[in-house]
Structure formats: C-alpha cells, structure tokens
Amino acid sequence: MATYKLPGPICQFWNWEDIIDGTLARAPSPSPQMIGASDSDSATANPAATTGGCPYLNPRSTGTVRAPQTAFDHLRNSSSSARTTNPQQIASHSWSGGTSTPAIEQNIQIGNQTIRVVRPTDSAARGKNLPATSQVAEALRAIPSNQRTHTSTVILSPIAHPDSTTGHTVAGAAGSGVITLYPVSSTQSQNDFDNHFMHESAHNYQGHLWNSGAAVAEWGAAARSDGRLPSPYAGENTGDDFCEFLILYNASRGTPCEATARHLYQHRWQKMTEYQSR
C-alpha cells in the first residue's frame, strides 16, 4: 500500500461571506461571516442544546463558527505578551501567483516562539483590509501555545489569490506552518482576525496530529458520533470540521461554557482532549 500523504497545502478561506470547500492541505478557505451577525444568523440547522450564555456553541445554519471577543480575551489573559521587532524592508517579495513587490518583514515573539510576518508596504496595503502586525500578534496570542507552535510564518498578501474570482474571493490559506491572508472587501475587526487565525492555525496543528489516513478517519468517526455540525463549513471536509470545532474547544475550555460544549460535542471533545498531550 502506498505511503499515506496529506493533500498539499491546507485550507483556503473564501470571502468572509461565502463558504466553499477547503482541503486538508493548503487550498483556499472561505472567509467567515462578519462577527456582528445577528442572532437569527446563528439559528441552528441541527437541534440546539443551549439557550443560555453560550449561544456561540450552537450549530450554525450559515457561515462558520464565531467565538466572541470575551472568549479570545480570556485566552490572551493566560498567554505570554508579544514583542515585535522593528520593520525591515524587503526589496522584492514574491506573493502567491508570482507577482513580486517590495515588502516589510517583522518577527513576533510570544514566549519562546518566534513567528515571521511578511506584509506589504503601507501604500500597497491600503484598502485591502489586511490586519496590522499588532492585530496579528494579538490573534496569535489567543492560540494556545501547544497549537501555535506549529505555525512559523504569517504572510499578508496585497495580491489576490490566483483562485479568486468576481463572485468568490479567497481570503486566506494555511498549511506547512504558514498562514496567508489575502485582500477582502469588508473591514475586519480584531474579533474577525481572532476567529480566522485560530481556524487557519488549526490546519497547521492537525498536520502534526494526522500522519495517516487512519488518524483522519478517527476524527471523522468522532464527528459523526456527535450527530451535529458546528457550522455548514465544518461539513465540507474532515479537516475543516476539526478547525471549526477547535475554535469552540479553545473558547469554552475552562469557562462556564465548557459543560455545554462537552454536551453538544461529546465525541469531538474527547478526541480533542486526547490530542492535547501530543
């Protein structure tokens, strides 16, 4: 039997409002819907089990998982602070699709981990709705260190992804330790970037965990046993189900919402908890 190999790069995010399939390796991922979506946007396609203070845990009928700002602030409270190096000019950087322009490079240090950030010059970034380096640092701080360690580079591209079309904008991609964000039409908040970076970093994390077809199948079996999807996008493939649930897992663990998350996603929770020791 041939050696199992994960498909190559992980997850692409399409425009924050449109959700199309991603893959287990760096393929385009749809962008999440805006954080300010109304309660009606979070209505469940599967039976909801909570009407209390943790409505973000309910399966969504549209879009992607959205954990609230308070959940990410809670995660940052237990994280090391971030230090950012001074910007360094790069004469020419080749973005996805082959276009090369001047760029800026900085390093973000969180605890013992250093993450390289490559971004466009200020003039090239204008109107692209990409995060500032400080927003990247805050989003990365909210990711638990055992998961964040599998992301080494963040690319903020001023050039649209080659797969973007008039109707669908690829907003981000992740795989092989790299997270790349692309221009989008809507203004983004810190909470948008928090959710987006946690989803994308989860693809890099799962690449560490899933080294065989059997490992992927184990997650799929756990997801099916729960009998509900965190979001429609989680139903696109096993890899994105993992990423969507990991947002809920990280956001609720150690909070009053944990009991509800365990009830809604019992088998996923058990499997994700098992992963934490690896």
C-alpha atoms as a PDB file:
ATOM      1  CA  MET A   1       0.000   0.000   0.000  1.00  0.00           C
ATOM      2  CA  ALA A   2       1.319   3.448  -0.902  1.00  0.00           C
ATOM      3  CA  THR A   3       2.563   5.703   1.880  1.00  0.00           C
ATOM      4  CA  TYR A   4      -0.245   7.937   3.160  1.00  0.00           C
ATOM      5  CA  LYS A   5       0.282  11.559   2.254  1.00  0.00           C
ATOM      6  CA  LEU A   6      -1.858  14.528   3.206  1.00  0.00           C
ATOM      7  CA  PRO A   7      -3.010  16.565   0.213  1.00  0.00           C
ATOM      8  CA  GLY A   8      -0.891  19.505  -0.177  1.00  0.00           C
ATOM      9  CA  PRO A   9      -1.405  22.845   1.362  1.00  0.00           C
ATOM     10  CA  ILE A  10      -4.198  23.253   3.922  1.00  0.00           C
ATOM     11  CA  CYS A  11      -7.433  25.194   3.789  1.00  0.00           C
ATOM     12  CA  GLN A  12      -8.389  28.262   1.835  1.00  0.00           C
ATOM     13  CA  PHE A  13     -10.930  30.725   3.154  1.00  0.00           C
ATOM     14  CA  TRP A  14     -13.246  32.295   0.602  1.00  0.00           C
ATOM     15  CA  ASN A  15     -14.625  35.800   1.036  1.00  0.00           C
ATOM     16  CA  TRP A  16     -15.777  36.366   4.610  1.00  0.00           C
ATOM     17  CA  GLU A  17     -19.402  35.877   3.489  1.00  0.00           C
ATOM     18  CA  ASP A  18     -19.030  32.952   1.053  1.00  0.00           C
ATOM     19  CA  ILE A  19     -18.052  29.452   2.073  1.00  0.00           C
ATOM     20  CA  ILE A  20     -16.658  26.915  -0.320  1.00  0.00           C
ATOM     21  CA  ASP A  21     -14.639  23.818   0.242  1.00  0.00           C
ATOM     22  CA  GLY A  22     -11.126  23.778   1.592  1.00  0.00           C
ATOM     23  CA  THR A  23      -8.882  20.755   1.782  1.00  0.00           C
ATOM     24  CA  LEU A  24      -6.570  19.122   4.253  1.00  0.00           C
ATOM     25  CA  ALA A  25      -3.594  20.917   2.817  1.00  0.00           C
ATOM     26  CA  ARG A  26      -3.102  24.460   1.561  1.00  0.00           C
ATOM     27  CA  ALA A  27      -6.207  25.012  -0.572  1.00  0.00           C
ATOM     28  CA  PRO A  28      -8.395  28.149  -0.480  1.00  0.00           C
ATOM     29  CA  SER A  29     -10.615  28.627   2.567  1.00  0.00           C
ATOM     30  CA  PRO A  30     -13.826  30.640   2.669  1.00  0.00           C
ATOM     31  CA  SER A  31     -13.880  33.588   4.971  1.00  0.00           C
ATOM     32  CA  PRO A  32     -16.118  33.570   7.972  1.00  0.00           C
ATOM     33  CA  GLN A  33     -19.205  35.758   8.140  1.00  0.00           C
ATOM     34  CA  MET A  34     -18.872  39.037   9.978  1.00  0.00           C
ATOM     35  CA  ILE A  35     -18.647  38.824  13.738  1.00  0.00           C
ATOM     36  CA  GLY A  36     -21.562  41.210  14.073  1.00  0.00           C
ATOM     37  CA  ALA A  37     -24.028  38.715  12.583  1.00  0.00           C
ATOM     38  CA  SER A  38     -27.437  38.779  14.227  1.00  0.00           C
ATOM     39  CA  ASP A  39     -28.812  36.051  16.477  1.00  0.00           C
ATOM     40  CA  SER A  40     -31.009  34.898  13.615  1.00  0.00           C
ATOM     41  CA  ASP A  41     -27.897  34.200  11.574  1.00  0.00           C
ATOM     42  CA  SER A  42     -26.861  31.709  14.248  1.00  0.00           C
ATOM     43  CA  ALA A  43     -30.043  29.695  14.079  1.00  0.00           C
ATOM     44  CA  THR A  44     -29.254  26.014  14.098  1.00  0.00           C
ATOM     45  CA  ALA A  45     -29.661  23.506  11.332  1.00  0.00           C
ATOM     46  CA  ASN A  46     -29.271  20.775  13.971  1.00  0.00           C
ATOM     47  CA  PRO A  47     -31.069  20.786  17.338  1.00  0.00           C
ATOM     48  CA  ALA A  48     -29.581  23.363  19.690  1.00  0.00           C
ATOM     49  CA  ALA A  49     -28.890  22.386  23.267  1.00  0.00           C
ATOM     50  CA  THR A  50     -28.216  25.771  24.846  1.00  0.00           C
ATOM     51  CA  THR A  51     -30.197  28.960  25.122  1.00  0.00           C
ATOM     52  CA  GLY A  52     -28.145  30.394  27.981  1.00  0.00           C
ATOM     53  CA  GLY A  53     -24.959  32.398  27.992  1.00  0.00           C
ATOM     54  CA  CYS A  54     -23.043  30.349  25.428  1.00  0.00           C
ATOM     55  CA  PRO A  55     -25.042  30.645  22.185  1.00  0.00           C
ATOM     56  CA  TYR A  56     -21.875  30.629  20.046  1.00  0.00           C
ATOM     57  CA  LEU A  57     -21.632  26.886  20.778  1.00  0.00           C
ATOM     58  CA  ASN A  58     -24.883  26.100  18.982  1.00  0.00           C
ATOM     59  CA  PRO A  59     -24.552  24.607  15.482  1.00  0.00           C
ATOM     60  CA  ARG A  60     -24.890  27.411  12.970  1.00  0.00           C
ATOM     61  CA  SER A  61     -27.191  27.298   9.981  1.00  0.00           C
ATOM     62  CA  THR A  62     -24.950  29.582   7.910  1.00  0.00           C
ATOM     63  CA  GLY A  63     -21.318  30.571   7.713  1.00  0.00           C
ATOM     64  CA  THR A  64     -18.621  29.473  10.091  1.00  0.00           C
ATOM     65  CA  VAL A  65     -18.088  29.209  13.831  1.00  0.00           C
ATOM     66  CA  ARG A  66     -17.832  32.526  15.647  1.00  0.00           C
ATOM     67  CA  ALA A  67     -16.488  32.717  19.186  1.00  0.00           C
ATOM     68  CA  PRO A  68     -16.987  36.078  20.933  1.00  0.00           C
ATOM     69  CA  GLN A  69     -14.348  38.634  21.828  1.00  0.00           C
ATOM     70  CA  THR A  70     -14.603  37.750  25.521  1.00  0.00           C
ATOM     71  CA  ALA A  71     -13.512  34.184  24.779  1.00  0.00           C
ATOM     72  CA  PHE A  72     -10.370  35.332  22.983  1.00  0.00           C
ATOM     73  CA  ASP A  73      -9.608  37.907  25.671  1.00  0.00           C
ATOM     74  CA  HIS A  74      -9.825  35.081  28.223  1.00  0.00           C
ATOM     75  CA  LEU A  75      -7.311  33.064  26.203  1.00  0.00           C
ATOM     76  CA  ARG A  76      -4.960  36.055  25.909  1.00  0.00           C
ATOM     77  CA  ASN A  77      -5.077  36.552  29.670  1.00  0.00           C
ATOM     78  CA  SER A  78      -3.198  33.273  30.112  1.00  0.00           C
ATOM     79  CA  SER A  79      -0.777  33.909  27.224  1.00  0.00           C
ATOM     80  CA  SER A  80       2.662  35.468  27.192  1.00  0.00           C
ATOM     81  CA  SER A  81       2.862  39.006  25.893  1.00  0.00           C
ATOM     82  CA  ALA A  82       4.032  39.625  22.336  1.00  0.00           C
ATOM     83  CA  ARG A  83       7.140  41.529  21.292  1.00  0.00           C
ATOM     84  CA  THR A  84       7.506  42.735  17.717  1.00  0.00           C
ATOM     85  CA  THR A  85      10.784  43.608  16.037  1.00  0.00           C
ATOM     86  CA  ASN A  86      11.272  46.779  14.040  1.00  0.00           C
ATOM     87  CA  PRO A  87      10.100  46.620  10.419  1.00  0.00           C
ATOM     88  CA  GLN A  88      12.741  45.611   7.881  1.00  0.00           C
ATOM     89  CA  GLN A  89      12.390  46.469   4.204  1.00  0.00           C
ATOM     90  CA  ILE A  90      12.447  43.614   1.671  1.00  0.00           C
ATOM     91  CA  ALA A  91      13.381  44.826  -1.801  1.00  0.00           C
ATOM     92  CA  SER A  92      11.251  42.205  -3.541  1.00  0.00           C
ATOM     93  CA  HIS A  93       8.913  39.524  -2.220  1.00  0.00           C
ATOM     94  CA  SER A  94       7.128  37.022  -4.462  1.00  0.00           C
ATOM     95  CA  TRP A  95       3.457  36.670  -3.462  1.00  0.00           C
ATOM     96  CA  SER A  96       1.133  33.822  -4.456  1.00  0.00           C
ATOM     97  CA  GLY A  97       0.627  33.904  -8.201  1.00  0.00           C
ATOM     98  CA  GLY A  98       4.147  35.111  -8.888  1.00  0.00           C
ATOM     99  CA  THR A  99       3.747  38.891  -8.506  1.00  0.00           C
ATOM    100  CA  SER A 100       6.722  40.488  -6.754  1.00  0.00           C
ATOM    101  CA  THR A 101       6.697  43.802  -4.891  1.00  0.00           C
ATOM    102  CA  PRO A 102       8.618  45.441  -2.046  1.00  0.00           C
ATOM    103  CA  ALA A 103       7.518  44.191   1.360  1.00  0.00           C
ATOM    104  CA  ILE A 104       8.071  44.564   5.090  1.00  0.00           C
ATOM    105  CA  GLU A 105       9.330  41.802   7.389  1.00  0.00           C
ATOM    106  CA  GLN A 106       8.933  41.621  11.153  1.00  0.00           C
ATOM    107  CA  ASN A 107       9.188  38.944  13.826  1.00  0.00           C
ATOM    108  CA  ILE A 108       6.628  38.416  16.572  1.00  0.00           C
ATOM    109  CA  GLN A 109       7.973  36.779  19.733  1.00  0.00           C
ATOM    110  CA  ILE A 110       5.496  35.136  22.109  1.00  0.00           C
ATOM    111  CA  GLY A 111       7.205  33.319  24.939  1.00  0.00           C
ATOM    112  CA  ASN A 112       9.914  31.159  23.367  1.00  0.00           C
ATOM    113  CA  GLN A 113       8.310  31.145  19.913  1.00  0.00           C
ATOM    114  CA  THR A 114       9.228  33.473  17.052  1.00  0.00           C
ATOM    115  CA  ILE A 115       6.833  33.871  14.124  1.00  0.00           C
ATOM    116  CA  ARG A 116       7.901  35.647  10.953  1.00  0.00           C
ATOM    117  CA  VAL A 117       5.462  38.116   9.394  1.00  0.00           C
ATOM    118  CA  VAL A 118       5.755  39.381   5.831  1.00  0.00           C
ATOM    119  CA  ARG A 119       3.395  42.183   4.887  1.00  0.00           C
ATOM    120  CA  PRO A 120       3.055  44.747   2.101  1.00  0.00           C
ATOM    121  CA  THR A 121       4.215  48.317   2.393  1.00  0.00           C
ATOM    122  CA  ASP A 122       1.653  50.700   3.871  1.00  0.00           C
ATOM    123  CA  SER A 123       0.747  52.131   0.472  1.00  0.00           C
ATOM    124  CA  ALA A 124       0.258  48.658  -1.043  1.00  0.00           C
ATOM    125  CA  ALA A 125      -1.875  47.537   1.925  1.00  0.00           C
ATOM    126  CA  ARG A 126      -4.258  50.494   1.734  1.00  0.00           C
ATOM    127  CA  GLY A 127      -7.860  49.375   1.203  1.00  0.00           C
ATOM    128  CA  LYS A 128      -7.010  45.640   1.351  1.00  0.00           C
ATOM    129  CA  ASN A 129      -8.465  45.077   4.846  1.00  0.00           C
ATOM    130  CA  LEU A 130      -5.463  43.095   5.996  1.00  0.00           C
ATOM    131  CA  PRO A 131      -4.541  43.077   9.692  1.00  0.00           C
ATOM    132  CA  ALA A 132      -1.855  45.290  11.155  1.00  0.00           C
ATOM    133  CA  THR A 133       1.104  43.442  12.633  1.00  0.00           C
ATOM    134  CA  SER A 134      -0.210  44.304  16.108  1.00  0.00           C
ATOM    135  CA  GLN A 135      -3.543  42.628  15.251  1.00  0.00           C
ATOM    136  CA  VAL A 136      -1.695  39.543  14.018  1.00  0.00           C
ATOM    137  CA  ALA A 137       0.218  39.419  17.304  1.00  0.00           C
ATOM    138  CA  GLU A 138      -2.979  39.615  19.367  1.00  0.00           C
ATOM    139  CA  ALA A 139      -4.676  36.913  17.297  1.00  0.00           C
ATOM    140  CA  LEU A 140      -1.656  34.636  17.679  1.00  0.00           C
ATOM    141  CA  ARG A 141      -1.527  35.222  21.445  1.00  0.00           C
ATOM    142  CA  ALA A 142      -5.061  33.816  21.752  1.00  0.00           C
ATOM    143  CA  ILE A 143      -4.000  30.490  20.222  1.00  0.00           C
ATOM    144  CA  PRO A 144      -2.809  28.020  22.902  1.00  0.00           C
ATOM    145  CA  SER A 145       0.956  27.615  22.711  1.00  0.00           C
ATOM    146  CA  ASN A 146       0.859  23.858  22.018  1.00  0.00           C
ATOM    147  CA  GLN A 147      -1.138  24.627  18.863  1.00  0.00           C
ATOM    148  CA  ARG A 148       0.517  27.913  17.888  1.00  0.00           C
ATOM    149  CA  THR A 149       3.944  26.274  17.844  1.00  0.00           C
ATOM    150  CA  HIS A 150       3.021  24.595  14.545  1.00  0.00           C
ATOM    151  CA  THR A 151       2.708  27.976  12.782  1.00  0.00           C
ATOM    152  CA  SER A 152       6.009  29.609  11.894  1.00  0.00           C
ATOM    153  CA  THR A 153       5.133  32.225   9.252  1.00  0.00           C
ATOM    154  CA  VAL A 154       2.311  34.654   8.504  1.00  0.00           C
ATOM    155  CA  ILE A 155       2.036  36.194   5.029  1.00  0.00           C
ATOM    156  CA  LEU A 156      -0.244  39.212   4.462  1.00  0.00           C
ATOM    157  CA  SER A 157      -0.566  39.387   0.706  1.00  0.00           C
ATOM    158  CA  PRO A 158      -1.679  42.568  -1.089  1.00  0.00           C
ATOM    159  CA  ILE A 159      -2.288  40.469  -4.202  1.00  0.00           C
ATOM    160  CA  ALA A 160      -5.487  38.482  -4.643  1.00  0.00           C
ATOM    161  CA  HIS A 161      -5.199  34.702  -4.537  1.00  0.00           C
ATOM    162  CA  PRO A 162      -4.927  33.184  -8.031  1.00  0.00           C
ATOM    163  CA  ASP A 163      -8.189  31.281  -7.439  1.00  0.00           C
ATOM    164  CA  SER A 164     -10.185  34.402  -6.579  1.00  0.00           C
ATOM    165  CA  THR A 165     -12.999  35.288  -8.975  1.00  0.00           C
ATOM    166  CA  THR A 166     -15.530  38.089  -9.252  1.00  0.00           C
ATOM    167  CA  GLY A 167     -18.008  36.083  -7.173  1.00  0.00           C
ATOM    168  CA  HIS A 168     -15.635  34.410  -4.744  1.00  0.00           C
ATOM    169  CA  THR A 169     -12.650  35.966  -3.010  1.00  0.00           C
ATOM    170  CA  VAL A 170     -10.105  33.654  -1.405  1.00  0.00           C
ATOM    171  CA  ALA A 171      -9.373  35.395   1.872  1.00  0.00           C
ATOM    172  CA  GLY A 172      -6.812  33.045   3.384  1.00  0.00           C
ATOM    173  CA  ALA A 173      -4.913  29.779   3.258  1.00  0.00           C
ATOM    174  CA  ALA A 174      -2.836  27.688   5.651  1.00  0.00           C
ATOM    175  CA  GLY A 175      -0.548  24.672   5.602  1.00  0.00           C
ATOM    176  CA  SER A 176       3.015  23.533   6.225  1.00  0.00           C
ATOM    177  CA  GLY A 177       3.362  26.007   9.094  1.00  0.00           C
ATOM    178  CA  VAL A 178       2.306  29.031   7.023  1.00  0.00           C
ATOM    179  CA  ILE A 179      -0.838  31.177   7.300  1.00  0.00           C
ATOM    180  CA  THR A 180      -1.559  33.524   4.380  1.00  0.00           C
ATOM    181  CA  LEU A 181      -4.265  36.188   4.304  1.00  0.00           C
ATOM    182  CA  TYR A 182      -5.441  37.918   1.116  1.00  0.00           C
ATOM    183  CA  PRO A 183      -7.348  41.158   0.470  1.00  0.00           C
ATOM    184  CA  VAL A 184     -11.081  41.198   1.248  1.00  0.00           C
ATOM    185  CA  SER A 185     -13.771  43.790   0.568  1.00  0.00           C
ATOM    186  CA  SER A 186     -15.124  44.149   4.118  1.00  0.00           C
ATOM    187  CA  THR A 187     -13.491  45.940   7.022  1.00  0.00           C
ATOM    188  CA  GLN A 188     -12.290  43.428   9.633  1.00  0.00           C
ATOM    189  CA  SER A 189     -12.203  43.687  13.424  1.00  0.00           C
ATOM    190  CA  GLN A 190      -9.811  42.098  15.900  1.00  0.00           C
ATOM    191  CA  ASN A 191     -12.510  39.507  16.618  1.00  0.00           C
ATOM    192  CA  ASP A 192     -12.698  38.631  12.913  1.00  0.00           C
ATOM    193  CA  PHE A 193      -8.954  38.053  12.842  1.00  0.00           C
ATOM    194  CA  ASP A 194      -9.040  36.113  16.127  1.00  0.00           C
ATOM    195  CA  ASN A 195     -11.513  33.582  14.718  1.00  0.00           C
ATOM    196  CA  HIS A 196      -9.819  33.457  11.331  1.00  0.00           C
ATOM    197  CA  PHE A 197      -6.293  32.896  12.669  1.00  0.00           C
ATOM    198  CA  MET A 198      -7.462  30.218  15.090  1.00  0.00           C
ATOM    199  CA  HIS A 199      -9.204  28.322  12.284  1.00  0.00           C
ATOM    200  CA  GLU A 200      -6.217  28.586   9.960  1.00  0.00           C
ATOM    201  CA  SER A 201      -3.656  27.712  12.620  1.00  0.00           C
ATOM    202  CA  ALA A 202      -5.715  24.610  13.368  1.00  0.00           C
ATOM    203  CA  HIS A 203      -4.817  23.284   9.914  1.00  0.00           C
ATOM    204  CA  ASN A 204      -1.136  23.560  10.765  1.00  0.00           C
ATOM    205  CA  TYR A 205      -1.830  21.860  14.101  1.00  0.00           C
ATOM    206  CA  GLN A 206      -3.787  18.995  12.519  1.00  0.00           C
ATOM    207  CA  GLY A 207      -0.887  18.400  10.148  1.00  0.00           C
ATOM    208  CA  HIS A 208       1.113  17.483  13.269  1.00  0.00           C
ATOM    209  CA  LEU A 209      -1.607  15.135  14.532  1.00  0.00           C
ATOM    210  CA  TRP A 210      -2.797  13.429  11.366  1.00  0.00           C
ATOM    211  CA  ASN A 211       0.048  11.407   9.902  1.00  0.00           C
ATOM    212  CA  SER A 212      -2.093   8.632   8.413  1.00  0.00           C
ATOM    213  CA  GLY A 213      -5.431   8.025   6.787  1.00  0.00           C
ATOM    214  CA  ALA A 214      -6.470   6.158   9.930  1.00  0.00           C
ATOM    215  CA  ALA A 215      -5.831   9.267  12.052  1.00  0.00           C
ATOM    216  CA  VAL A 216      -8.086  11.357   9.799  1.00  0.00           C
ATOM    217  CA  ALA A 217     -10.759   8.643   9.905  1.00  0.00           C
ATOM    218  CA  GLU A 218     -10.709   8.644  13.707  1.00  0.00           C
ATOM    219  CA  TRP A 219     -11.676  12.298  13.779  1.00  0.00           C
ATOM    220  CA  GLY A 220     -14.359  11.717  11.179  1.00  0.00           C
ATOM    221  CA  ALA A 221     -15.854   8.932  13.280  1.00  0.00           C
ATOM    222  CA  ALA A 222     -15.947  11.159  16.360  1.00  0.00           C
ATOM    223  CA  ALA A 223     -17.642  13.932  14.392  1.00  0.00           C
ATOM    224  CA  ARG A 224     -20.300  11.583  13.027  1.00  0.00           C
ATOM    225  CA  SER A 225     -20.971  10.210  16.509  1.00  0.00           C
ATOM    226  CA  ASP A 226     -21.847  13.694  17.738  1.00  0.00           C
ATOM    227  CA  GLY A 227     -24.654  13.876  15.193  1.00  0.00           C
ATOM    228  CA  ARG A 228     -24.304  17.625  14.565  1.00  0.00           C
ATOM    229  CA  LEU A 229     -22.024  20.055  12.749  1.00  0.00           C
ATOM    230  CA  PRO A 230     -20.575  23.168  14.390  1.00  0.00           C
ATOM    231  CA  SER A 231     -21.274  25.021  11.112  1.00  0.00           C
ATOM    232  CA  PRO A 232     -22.096  24.293   7.470  1.00  0.00           C
ATOM    233  CA  TYR A 233     -18.446  24.852   6.596  1.00  0.00           C
ATOM    234  CA  ALA A 234     -17.472  22.089   9.023  1.00  0.00           C
ATOM    235  CA  GLY A 235     -19.407  19.749   6.738  1.00  0.00           C
ATOM    236  CA  GLU A 236     -17.157  20.486   3.758  1.00  0.00           C
ATOM    237  CA  ASN A 237     -14.459  18.043   4.863  1.00  0.00           C
ATOM    238  CA  THR A 238     -12.915  16.389   7.912  1.00  0.00           C
ATOM    239  CA  GLY A 239     -10.086  18.933   8.104  1.00  0.00           C
ATOM    240  CA  ASP A 240     -12.400  21.925   8.362  1.00  0.00           C
ATOM    241  CA  ASP A 241     -14.655  20.155  10.853  1.00  0.00           C
ATOM    242  CA  PHE A 242     -11.578  19.858  13.084  1.00  0.00           C
ATOM    243  CA  CYS A 243     -10.748  23.554  12.673  1.00  0.00           C
ATOM    244  CA  GLU A 244     -14.282  24.751  13.295  1.00  0.00           C
ATOM    245  CA  PHE A 245     -14.574  22.653  16.434  1.00  0.00           C
ATOM    246  CA  LEU A 246     -11.144  23.686  17.744  1.00  0.00           C
ATOM    247  CA  ILE A 247     -12.369  27.283  17.955  1.00  0.00           C
ATOM    248  CA  LEU A 248     -15.240  26.118  20.182  1.00  0.00           C
ATOM    249  CA  TYR A 249     -12.953  23.884  22.225  1.00  0.00           C
ATOM    250  CA  ASN A 250     -10.410  26.600  22.931  1.00  0.00           C
ATOM    251  CA  ALA A 251     -13.038  29.268  23.558  1.00  0.00           C
ATOM    252  CA  SER A 252     -15.042  27.230  26.066  1.00  0.00           C
ATOM    253  CA  ARG A 253     -12.436  25.131  27.866  1.00  0.00           C
ATOM    254  CA  GLY A 254     -12.043  26.203  31.482  1.00  0.00           C
ATOM    255  CA  THR A 255     -15.070  28.527  31.336  1.00  0.00           C
ATOM    256  CA  PRO A 256     -18.728  28.162  32.375  1.00  0.00           C
ATOM    257  CA  CYS A 257     -19.437  27.225  28.741  1.00  0.00           C
ATOM    258  CA  GLU A 258     -17.347  24.047  28.890  1.00  0.00           C
ATOM    259  CA  ALA A 259     -20.145  21.822  30.180  1.00  0.00           C
ATOM    260  CA  THR A 260     -22.382  22.880  27.297  1.00  0.00           C
ATOM    261  CA  ALA A 261     -19.629  22.254  24.737  1.00  0.00           C
ATOM    262  CA  ARG A 262     -18.985  18.799  26.184  1.00  0.00           C
ATOM    263  CA  HIS A 263     -22.701  18.019  25.944  1.00  0.00           C
ATOM    264  CA  LEU A 264     -23.099  19.228  22.368  1.00  0.00           C
ATOM    265  CA  TYR A 265     -19.868  17.720  21.015  1.00  0.00           C
ATOM    266  CA  GLN A 266     -19.113  14.843  23.362  1.00  0.00           C
ATOM    267  CA  HIS A 267     -17.038  12.696  20.996  1.00  0.00           C
ATOM    268  CA  ARG A 268     -15.141  15.552  19.381  1.00  0.00           C
ATOM    269  CA  TRP A 269     -14.344  16.908  22.829  1.00  0.00           C
ATOM    270  CA  GLN A 270     -12.924  13.572  23.970  1.00  0.00           C
ATOM    271  CA  LYS A 271     -10.782  13.277  20.847  1.00  0.00           C
ATOM    272  CA  MET A 272      -9.510  16.850  21.020  1.00  0.00           C
ATOM    273  CA  THR A 273      -8.638  16.431  24.689  1.00  0.00           C
ATOM    274  CA  GLU A 274      -6.651  13.319  23.771  1.00  0.00           C
ATOM    275  CA  TYR A 275      -4.714  15.388  21.205  1.00  0.00           C
ATOM    276  CA  GLN A 276      -3.620  17.932  23.804  1.00  0.00           C
ATOM    277  CA  SER A 277      -0.986  15.581  25.231  1.00  0.00           C
ATOM    278  CA  ARG A 278       0.714  15.109  21.871  1.00  0.00           C
END
